[in-house]
Amino acid sequence: CTASSPVFSNYAIGWFRQDQGKDRELVASISGTG
């Protein structure tokens, strides 16, 4: 996941997944500092 920004460290990033007919669900998330 590329998120180009000079303040990349100020963005928390999440991965979600969604299958057909199902709700979107969290897979994992990481804070700006990691």
Full PDB file with SEQRES, HELIX, SHEET, SSBOND, CRYST1, ORIGX, SCALE, CONECT and MASTER records, all heavy atoms in Angstrom:
SEQRES   1 A   34  CYS THR ALA SER SER PRO VAL PHE SER ASN TYR ALA ILE          
SEQRES   2 A   34  GLY TRP PHE ARG GLN ASP GLN GLY LYS ASP ARG GLU LEU          
SEQRES   3 A   34  VAL ALA SER ILE SER GLY THR GLY                              
HELIX    1 AA1 PHE A    8  ASN A   10  5                                   3    
SHEET    1 AA1 2 ILE A  13  ARG A  17  0                                        
SHEET    2 AA1 2 GLU A  25  ILE A  30 -1                                        
CRYST1    1.000    1.000    1.000  90.00  90.00  90.00 P 1           1          
ORIGX1      1.000000  0.000000  0.000000        0.00000                         
ORIGX2      0.000000  1.000000  0.000000        0.00000                         
ORIGX3      0.000000  0.000000  1.000000        0.00000                         
SCALE1      1.000000  0.000000  0.000000        0.00000                         
SCALE2      0.000000  1.000000  0.000000        0.00000                         
SCALE3      0.000000  0.000000  1.000000        0.00000                         
ATOM      1  N   CYS A   1       0.860  -1.177   0.000  1.00  0.00           N  
ATOM      2  CA  CYS A   1       0.000   0.000   0.000  1.00  0.00           C  
ATOM      3  C   CYS A   1       0.897   1.228   0.000  1.00  0.00           C  
ATOM      4  O   CYS A   1       1.564   1.507   0.997  1.00  0.00           O  
ATOM      5  CB  CYS A   1      -0.896  -0.004   1.232  1.00  0.00           C  
ATOM      6  SG  CYS A   1      -1.835   1.519   1.472  1.00  0.00           S  
ATOM      7  N   THR A   2       0.887   1.948  -1.093  1.00  0.00           N  
ATOM      8  CA  THR A   2       1.699   3.153  -1.207  1.00  0.00           C  
ATOM      9  C   THR A   2       0.840   4.379  -0.930  1.00  0.00           C  
ATOM     10  O   THR A   2      -0.233   4.531  -1.519  1.00  0.00           O  
ATOM     11  CB  THR A   2       2.336   3.254  -2.598  1.00  0.00           C  
ATOM     12  OG1 THR A   2       3.156   2.106  -2.811  1.00  0.00           O  
ATOM     13  CG2 THR A   2       3.191   4.503  -2.705  1.00  0.00           C  
ATOM     14  N   ALA A   3       1.311   5.210  -0.036  1.00  0.00           N  
ATOM     15  CA  ALA A   3       0.581   6.423   0.341  1.00  0.00           C  
ATOM     16  C   ALA A   3       1.585   7.568   0.364  1.00  0.00           C  
ATOM     17  O   ALA A   3       2.161   7.861   1.403  1.00  0.00           O  
ATOM     18  CB  ALA A   3      -0.088   6.236   1.705  1.00  0.00           C  
ATOM     19  N   SER A   4       1.771   8.178  -0.773  1.00  0.00           N  
ATOM     20  CA  SER A   4       2.821   9.183  -0.915  1.00  0.00           C  
ATOM     21  C   SER A   4       2.462  10.476  -0.204  1.00  0.00           C  
ATOM     22  O   SER A   4       1.495  11.142  -0.560  1.00  0.00           O  
ATOM     23  CB  SER A   4       3.075   9.449  -2.405  1.00  0.00           C  
ATOM     24  OG  SER A   4       3.512   8.272  -3.047  1.00  0.00           O  
ATOM     25  N   SER A   5       3.258  10.817   0.785  1.00  0.00           N  
ATOM     26  CA  SER A   5       3.050  12.043   1.538  1.00  0.00           C  
ATOM     27  C   SER A   5       4.321  12.374   2.291  1.00  0.00           C  
ATOM     28  O   SER A   5       4.961  11.480   2.853  1.00  0.00           O  
ATOM     29  CB  SER A   5       1.902  11.892   2.532  1.00  0.00           C  
ATOM     30  OG  SER A   5       1.854  12.997   3.416  1.00  0.00           O  
ATOM     31  N   PRO A   6       4.692  13.663   2.334  1.00  0.00           N  
ATOM     32  CA  PRO A   6       5.865  14.041   3.121  1.00  0.00           C  
ATOM     33  C   PRO A   6       5.664  13.841   4.616  1.00  0.00           C  
ATOM     34  O   PRO A   6       6.644  13.876   5.374  1.00  0.00           O  
ATOM     35  CB  PRO A   6       6.055  15.526   2.767  1.00  0.00           C  
ATOM     36  CG  PRO A   6       4.726  15.987   2.294  1.00  0.00           C  
ATOM     37  CD  PRO A   6       4.098  14.806   1.630  1.00  0.00           C  
ATOM     38  N   VAL A   7       4.414  13.636   5.021  1.00  0.00           N  
ATOM     39  CA  VAL A   7       4.145  13.374   6.436  1.00  0.00           C  
ATOM     40  C   VAL A   7       3.569  11.977   6.593  1.00  0.00           C  
ATOM     41  O   VAL A   7       2.602  11.748   7.329  1.00  0.00           O  
ATOM     42  CB  VAL A   7       3.209  14.438   7.043  1.00  0.00           C  
ATOM     43  CG1 VAL A   7       3.929  15.776   7.159  1.00  0.00           C  
ATOM     44  CG2 VAL A   7       1.932  14.591   6.207  1.00  0.00           C  
ATOM     45  N   PHE A   8       4.162  11.036   5.883  1.00  0.00           N  
ATOM     46  CA  PHE A   8       3.695   9.649   5.890  1.00  0.00           C  
ATOM     47  C   PHE A   8       3.557   9.119   7.309  1.00  0.00           C  
ATOM     48  O   PHE A   8       2.643   8.353   7.614  1.00  0.00           O  
ATOM     49  CB  PHE A   8       4.682   8.801   5.086  1.00  0.00           C  
ATOM     50  CG  PHE A   8       4.348   7.338   5.036  1.00  0.00           C  
ATOM     51  CD1 PHE A   8       3.267   6.875   4.302  1.00  0.00           C  
ATOM     52  CD2 PHE A   8       5.129   6.406   5.711  1.00  0.00           C  
ATOM     53  CE1 PHE A   8       2.962   5.525   4.238  1.00  0.00           C  
ATOM     54  CE2 PHE A   8       4.842   5.053   5.656  1.00  0.00           C  
ATOM     55  CZ  PHE A   8       3.755   4.618   4.914  1.00  0.00           C  
ATOM     56  N   SER A   9       4.441   9.530   8.188  1.00  0.00           N  
ATOM     57  CA  SER A   9       4.427   9.030   9.565  1.00  0.00           C  
ATOM     58  C   SER A   9       3.239   9.549  10.374  1.00  0.00           C  
ATOM     59  O   SER A   9       3.016   9.089  11.496  1.00  0.00           O  
ATOM     60  CB  SER A   9       5.726   9.394  10.274  1.00  0.00           C  
ATOM     61  OG  SER A   9       6.823   8.739   9.676  1.00  0.00           O  
ATOM     62  N   ASN A  10       2.496  10.513   9.835  1.00  0.00           N  
ATOM     63  CA  ASN A  10       1.297  11.000  10.498  1.00  0.00           C  
ATOM     64  C   ASN A  10       0.037  10.281  10.047  1.00  0.00           C  
ATOM     65  O   ASN A  10      -1.071  10.723  10.363  1.00  0.00           O  
ATOM     66  CB  ASN A  10       1.131  12.510  10.247  1.00  0.00           C  
ATOM     67  CG  ASN A  10       2.142  13.337  11.027  1.00  0.00           C  
ATOM     68  OD1 ASN A  10       2.607  14.366  10.537  1.00  0.00           O  
ATOM     69  ND2 ASN A  10       2.481  12.901  12.213  1.00  0.00           N  
ATOM     70  N   TYR A  11       0.215   9.208   9.308  1.00  0.00           N  
ATOM     71  CA  TYR A  11      -0.941   8.450   8.847  1.00  0.00           C  
ATOM     72  C   TYR A  11      -0.924   7.049   9.447  1.00  0.00           C  
ATOM     73  O   TYR A  11       0.021   6.289   9.218  1.00  0.00           O  
ATOM     74  CB  TYR A  11      -0.959   8.344   7.320  1.00  0.00           C  
ATOM     75  CG  TYR A  11      -1.349   9.629   6.642  1.00  0.00           C  
ATOM     76  CD1 TYR A  11      -0.392  10.589   6.320  1.00  0.00           C  
ATOM     77  CD2 TYR A  11      -2.688   9.893   6.343  1.00  0.00           C  
ATOM     78  CE1 TYR A  11      -0.762  11.773   5.701  1.00  0.00           C  
ATOM     79  CE2 TYR A  11      -3.058  11.079   5.723  1.00  0.00           C  
ATOM     80  CZ  TYR A  11      -2.085  12.014   5.411  1.00  0.00           C  
ATOM     81  OH  TYR A  11      -2.456  13.183   4.807  1.00  0.00           O  
ATOM     82  N   ALA A  12      -1.969   6.745  10.194  1.00  0.00           N  
ATOM     83  CA  ALA A  12      -2.196   5.352  10.555  1.00  0.00           C  
ATOM     84  C   ALA A  12      -2.712   4.640   9.311  1.00  0.00           C  
ATOM     85  O   ALA A  12      -3.403   5.245   8.478  1.00  0.00           O  
ATOM     86  CB  ALA A  12      -3.211   5.248  11.686  1.00  0.00           C  
ATOM     87  N   ILE A  13      -2.394   3.373   9.182  1.00  0.00           N  
ATOM     88  CA  ILE A  13      -2.796   2.615   8.000  1.00  0.00           C  
ATOM     89  C   ILE A  13      -3.503   1.341   8.428  1.00  0.00           C  
ATOM     90  O   ILE A  13      -3.064   0.648   9.350  1.00  0.00           O  
ATOM     91  CB  ILE A  13      -1.568   2.285   7.130  1.00  0.00           C  
ATOM     92  CG1 ILE A  13      -1.007   3.588   6.551  1.00  0.00           C  
ATOM     93  CG2 ILE A  13      -1.942   1.310   6.020  1.00  0.00           C  
ATOM     94  CD1 ILE A  13       0.248   3.416   5.735  1.00  0.00           C  
ATOM     95  N   GLY A  14      -4.574   1.052   7.743  1.00  0.00           N  
ATOM     96  CA  GLY A  14      -5.325  -0.162   8.030  1.00  0.00           C  
ATOM     97  C   GLY A  14      -5.514  -1.003   6.781  1.00  0.00           C  
ATOM     98  O   GLY A  14      -5.546  -0.492   5.664  1.00  0.00           O  
ATOM     99  N   TRP A  15      -5.604  -2.290   6.993  1.00  0.00           N  
ATOM    100  CA  TRP A  15      -5.988  -3.240   5.945  1.00  0.00           C  
ATOM    101  C   TRP A  15      -7.326  -3.853   6.342  1.00  0.00           C  
ATOM    102  O   TRP A  15      -7.467  -4.371   7.452  1.00  0.00           O  
ATOM    103  CB  TRP A  15      -4.953  -4.342   5.785  1.00  0.00           C  
ATOM    104  CG  TRP A  15      -3.705  -3.948   5.076  1.00  0.00           C  
ATOM    105  CD1 TRP A  15      -2.507  -3.617   5.632  1.00  0.00           C  
ATOM    106  CD2 TRP A  15      -3.514  -3.858   3.659  1.00  0.00           C  
ATOM    107  NE1 TRP A  15      -1.584  -3.326   4.647  1.00  0.00           N  
ATOM    108  CE2 TRP A  15      -2.187  -3.470   3.419  1.00  0.00           C  
ATOM    109  CE3 TRP A  15      -4.346  -4.075   2.551  1.00  0.00           C  
ATOM    110  CZ2 TRP A  15      -1.657  -3.286   2.140  1.00  0.00           C  
ATOM    111  CZ3 TRP A  15      -3.826  -3.888   1.287  1.00  0.00           C  
ATOM    112  CH2 TRP A  15      -2.500  -3.496   1.087  1.00  0.00           C  
ATOM    113  N   PHE A  16      -8.273  -3.774   5.427  1.00  0.00           N  
ATOM    114  CA  PHE A  16      -9.584  -4.380   5.603  1.00  0.00           C  
ATOM    115  C   PHE A  16      -9.824  -5.351   4.452  1.00  0.00           C  
ATOM    116  O   PHE A  16      -9.160  -5.268   3.426  1.00  0.00           O  
ATOM    117  CB  PHE A  16     -10.691  -3.311   5.603  1.00  0.00           C  
ATOM    118  CG  PHE A  16     -10.758  -2.491   6.867  1.00  0.00           C  
ATOM    119  CD1 PHE A  16      -9.818  -1.511   7.132  1.00  0.00           C  
ATOM    120  CD2 PHE A  16     -11.775  -2.682   7.786  1.00  0.00           C  
ATOM    121  CE1 PHE A  16      -9.869  -0.748   8.286  1.00  0.00           C  
ATOM    122  CE2 PHE A  16     -11.847  -1.922   8.948  1.00  0.00           C  
ATOM    123  CZ  PHE A  16     -10.893  -0.957   9.195  1.00  0.00           C  
ATOM    124  N   ARG A  17     -10.775  -6.220   4.624  1.00  0.00           N  
ATOM    125  CA  ARG A  17     -11.158  -7.116   3.528  1.00  0.00           C  
ATOM    126  C   ARG A  17     -12.677  -7.265   3.508  1.00  0.00           C  
ATOM    127  O   ARG A  17     -13.348  -7.130   4.525  1.00  0.00           O  
ATOM    128  CB  ARG A  17     -10.484  -8.481   3.655  1.00  0.00           C  
ATOM    129  CG  ARG A  17     -10.883  -9.285   4.891  1.00  0.00           C  
ATOM    130  CD  ARG A  17     -10.004 -10.522   5.015  1.00  0.00           C  
ATOM    131  NE  ARG A  17     -10.338 -11.306   6.205  1.00  0.00           N  
ATOM    132  CZ  ARG A  17      -9.613 -12.325   6.654  1.00  0.00           C  
ATOM    133  NH1 ARG A  17      -8.488 -12.671   6.015  1.00  0.00           N  
ATOM    134  NH2 ARG A  17      -9.989 -12.992   7.740  1.00  0.00           N  
ATOM    135  N   GLN A  18     -13.161  -7.546   2.308  1.00  0.00           N  
ATOM    136  CA  GLN A  18     -14.599  -7.706   2.134  1.00  0.00           C  
ATOM    137  C   GLN A  18     -14.880  -8.733   1.054  1.00  0.00           C  
ATOM    138  O   GLN A  18     -14.426  -8.580  -0.077  1.00  0.00           O  
ATOM    139  CB  GLN A  18     -15.256  -6.373   1.774  1.00  0.00           C  
ATOM    140  CG  GLN A  18     -16.769  -6.433   1.722  1.00  0.00           C  
ATOM    141  CD  GLN A  18     -17.393  -5.061   1.595  1.00  0.00           C  
ATOM    142  OE1 GLN A  18     -16.774  -4.114   1.100  1.00  0.00           O  
ATOM    143  NE2 GLN A  18     -18.616  -4.917   2.044  1.00  0.00           N  
ATOM    144  N   ASP A  19     -15.612  -9.748   1.428  1.00  0.00           N  
ATOM    145  CA  ASP A  19     -16.041 -10.751   0.475  1.00  0.00           C  
ATOM    146  C   ASP A  19     -17.478 -10.432   0.092  1.00  0.00           C  
ATOM    147  O   ASP A  19     -18.198  -9.731   0.805  1.00  0.00           O  
ATOM    148  CB  ASP A  19     -15.921 -12.154   1.078  1.00  0.00           C  
ATOM    149  CG  ASP A  19     -15.983 -13.241   0.034  1.00  0.00           C  
ATOM    150  OD1 ASP A  19     -15.937 -12.917  -1.185  1.00  0.00           O  
ATOM    151  OD2 ASP A  19     -16.067 -14.423   0.425  1.00  0.00           O  
ATOM    152  N   GLN A  20     -17.928 -10.982  -1.006  1.00  0.00           N  
ATOM    153  CA  GLN A  20     -19.283 -10.702  -1.501  1.00  0.00           C  
ATOM    154  C   GLN A  20     -20.324 -11.082  -0.462  1.00  0.00           C  
ATOM    155  O   GLN A  20     -20.297 -12.173   0.091  1.00  0.00           O  
ATOM    156  CB  GLN A  20     -19.526 -11.454  -2.804  1.00  0.00           C  
ATOM    157  CG  GLN A  20     -18.726 -10.917  -3.962  1.00  0.00           C  
ATOM    158  CD  GLN A  20     -19.037 -11.623  -5.274  1.00  0.00           C  
ATOM    159  OE1 GLN A  20     -19.688 -12.652  -5.273  1.00  0.00           O  
ATOM    160  NE2 GLN A  20     -18.574 -11.065  -6.371  1.00  0.00           N  
ATOM    161  N   GLY A  21     -21.218 -10.152  -0.206  1.00  0.00           N  
ATOM    162  CA  GLY A  21     -22.314 -10.411   0.709  1.00  0.00           C  
ATOM    163  C   GLY A  21     -21.953 -10.306   2.173  1.00  0.00           C  
ATOM    164  O   GLY A  21     -22.790 -10.569   3.042  1.00  0.00           O  
ATOM    165  N   LYS A  22     -20.706  -9.924   2.444  1.00  0.00           N  
ATOM    166  CA  LYS A  22     -20.264  -9.833   3.835  1.00  0.00           C  
ATOM    167  C   LYS A  22     -19.849  -8.406   4.160  1.00  0.00           C  
ATOM    168  O   LYS A  22     -19.585  -7.593   3.280  1.00  0.00           O  
ATOM    169  CB  LYS A  22     -19.101 -10.788   4.079  1.00  0.00           C  
ATOM    170  CG  LYS A  22     -19.439 -12.262   3.880  1.00  0.00           C  
ATOM    171  CD  LYS A  22     -18.229 -13.135   4.191  1.00  0.00           C  
ATOM    172  CE  LYS A  22     -18.566 -14.607   3.994  1.00  0.00           C  
ATOM    173  NZ  LYS A  22     -17.384 -15.478   4.258  1.00  0.00           N  
ATOM    174  N   ASP A  23     -19.802  -8.134   5.447  1.00  0.00           N  
ATOM    175  CA  ASP A  23     -19.355  -6.819   5.880  1.00  0.00           C  
ATOM    176  C   ASP A  23     -17.850  -6.677   5.709  1.00  0.00           C  
ATOM    177  O   ASP A  23     -17.110  -7.669   5.749  1.00  0.00           O  
ATOM    178  CB  ASP A  23     -19.712  -6.592   7.357  1.00  0.00           C  
ATOM    179  CG  ASP A  23     -21.208  -6.505   7.582  1.00  0.00           C  
ATOM    180  OD1 ASP A  23     -21.933  -6.115   6.638  1.00  0.00           O  
ATOM    181  OD2 ASP A  23     -21.645  -6.818   8.704  1.00  0.00           O  
ATOM    182  N   ARG A  24     -17.406  -5.436   5.554  1.00  0.00           N  
ATOM    183  CA  ARG A  24     -15.981  -5.179   5.508  1.00  0.00           C  
ATOM    184  C   ARG A  24     -15.415  -5.377   6.906  1.00  0.00           C  
ATOM    185  O   ARG A  24     -15.974  -4.888   7.886  1.00  0.00           O  
ATOM    186  CB  ARG A  24     -15.725  -3.759   5.016  1.00  0.00           C  
ATOM    187  CG  ARG A  24     -14.293  -3.430   4.732  1.00  0.00           C  
ATOM    188  CD  ARG A  24     -14.160  -2.100   4.012  1.00  0.00           C  
ATOM    189  NE  ARG A  24     -14.772  -2.145   2.692  1.00  0.00           N  
ATOM    190  CZ  ARG A  24     -14.670  -1.155   1.797  1.00  0.00           C  
ATOM    191  NH1 ARG A  24     -13.975  -0.070   2.083  1.00  0.00           N  
ATOM    192  NH2 ARG A  24     -15.253  -1.257   0.630  1.00  0.00           N  
ATOM    193  N   GLU A  25     -14.299  -6.082   7.014  1.00  0.00           N  
ATOM    194  CA  GLU A  25     -13.737  -6.381   8.316  1.00  0.00           C  
ATOM    195  C   GLU A  25     -12.265  -5.998   8.400  1.00  0.00           C  
ATOM    196  O   GLU A  25     -11.528  -6.067   7.409  1.00  0.00           O  
ATOM    197  CB  GLU A  25     -13.891  -7.877   8.639  1.00  0.00           C  
ATOM    198  CG  GLU A  25     -13.153  -8.802   7.711  1.00  0.00           C  
ATOM    199  CD  GLU A  25     -13.259 -10.261   8.126  1.00  0.00           C  
ATOM    200  OE1 GLU A  25     -13.942 -10.561   9.118  1.00  0.00           O  
ATOM    201  OE2 GLU A  25     -12.644 -11.110   7.441  1.00  0.00           O  
ATOM    202  N   LEU A  26     -11.873  -5.615   9.590  1.00  0.00           N  
ATOM    203  CA  LEU A  26     -10.478  -5.260   9.821  1.00  0.00           C  
ATOM    204  C   LEU A  26      -9.602  -6.506   9.751  1.00  0.00           C  
ATOM    205  O   LEU A  26      -9.930  -7.549  10.318  1.00  0.00           O  
ATOM    206  CB  LEU A  26     -10.321  -4.615  11.206  1.00  0.00           C  
ATOM    207  CG  LEU A  26      -8.880  -4.333  11.637  1.00  0.00           C  
ATOM    208  CD1 LEU A  26      -8.315  -3.140  10.887  1.00  0.00           C  
ATOM    209  CD2 LEU A  26      -8.797  -4.100  13.140  1.00  0.00           C  
ATOM    210  N   VAL A  27      -8.482  -6.361   9.064  1.00  0.00           N  
ATOM    211  CA  VAL A  27      -7.457  -7.401   9.069  1.00  0.00           C  
ATOM    212  C   VAL A  27      -6.346  -7.006  10.036  1.00  0.00           C  
ATOM    213  O   VAL A  27      -5.991  -7.776  10.936  1.00  0.00           O  
ATOM    214  CB  VAL A  27      -6.890  -7.623   7.662  1.00  0.00           C  
ATOM    215  CG1 VAL A  27      -5.791  -8.677   7.704  1.00  0.00           C  
ATOM    216  CG2 VAL A  27      -7.996  -8.021   6.690  1.00  0.00           C  
ATOM    217  N   ALA A  28      -5.822  -5.806   9.847  1.00  0.00           N  
ATOM    218  CA  ALA A  28      -4.763  -5.317  10.724  1.00  0.00           C  
ATOM    219  C   ALA A  28      -4.611  -3.816  10.535  1.00  0.00           C  
ATOM    220  O   ALA A  28      -4.978  -3.275   9.487  1.00  0.00           O  
ATOM    221  CB  ALA A  28      -3.433  -6.007  10.441  1.00  0.00           C  
ATOM    222  N   SER A  29      -4.088  -3.156  11.561  1.00  0.00           N  
ATOM    223  CA  SER A  29      -3.811  -1.725  11.449  1.00  0.00           C  
ATOM    224  C   SER A  29      -2.493  -1.427  12.144  1.00  0.00           C  
ATOM    225  O   SER A  29      -2.066  -2.171  13.045  1.00  0.00           O  
ATOM    226  CB  SER A  29      -4.941  -0.900  12.054  1.00  0.00           C  
ATOM    227  OG  SER A  29      -5.085  -1.179  13.431  1.00  0.00           O  
ATOM    228  N   ILE A  30      -1.862  -0.338  11.717  1.00  0.00           N  
ATOM    229  CA  ILE A  30      -0.557   0.029  12.254  1.00  0.00           C  
ATOM    230  C   ILE A  30      -0.529   1.533  12.443  1.00  0.00           C  
ATOM    231  O   ILE A  30      -1.014   2.294  11.599  1.00  0.00           O  
ATOM    232  CB  ILE A  30       0.564  -0.472  11.321  1.00  0.00           C  
ATOM    233  CG1 ILE A  30       1.941  -0.246  11.945  1.00  0.00           C  
ATOM    234  CG2 ILE A  30       0.459   0.153   9.931  1.00  0.00           C  
ATOM    235  CD1 ILE A  30       3.063  -0.982  11.196  1.00  0.00           C  
ATOM    236  N   SER A  31       0.039   1.960  13.553  1.00  0.00           N  
ATOM    237  CA  SER A  31       0.113   3.380  13.844  1.00  0.00           C  
ATOM    238  C   SER A  31       1.134   4.068  12.946  1.00  0.00           C  
ATOM    239  O   SER A  31       1.932   3.416  12.275  1.00  0.00           O  
ATOM    240  CB  SER A  31       0.501   3.584  15.313  1.00  0.00           C  
ATOM    241  OG  SER A  31       1.791   3.057  15.562  1.00  0.00           O  
ATOM    242  N   GLY A  32       1.092   5.402  12.958  1.00  0.00           N  
ATOM    243  CA  GLY A  32       1.985   6.173  12.108  1.00  0.00           C  
ATOM    244  C   GLY A  32       3.456   5.885  12.369  1.00  0.00           C  
ATOM    245  O   GLY A  32       4.273   5.868  11.448  1.00  0.00           O  
ATOM    246  N   THR A  33       3.777   5.653  13.619  1.00  0.00           N  
ATOM    247  CA  THR A  33       5.164   5.353  13.973  1.00  0.00           C  
ATOM    248  C   THR A  33       5.519   3.897  13.753  1.00  0.00           C  
ATOM    249  O   THR A  33       6.689   3.530  13.778  1.00  0.00           O  
ATOM    250  CB  THR A  33       5.411   5.681  15.445  1.00  0.00           C  
ATOM    251  OG1 THR A  33       4.512   4.902  16.240  1.00  0.00           O  
ATOM    252  CG2 THR A  33       5.183   7.164  15.728  1.00  0.00           C  
ATOM    253  N   GLY A  34       4.504   3.067  13.565  1.00  0.00           N  
ATOM    254  CA  GLY A  34       4.745   1.636  13.413  1.00  0.00           C  
ATOM    255  C   GLY A  34       4.897   0.899  14.721  1.00  0.00           C  
ATOM    256  O   GLY A  34       5.113  -0.313  14.729  1.00  0.00           O  
TER     257      GLY A  34                                                      
MASTER        0    0    0    1    2    0    0    6  256    1    0    3          
END                                                                             
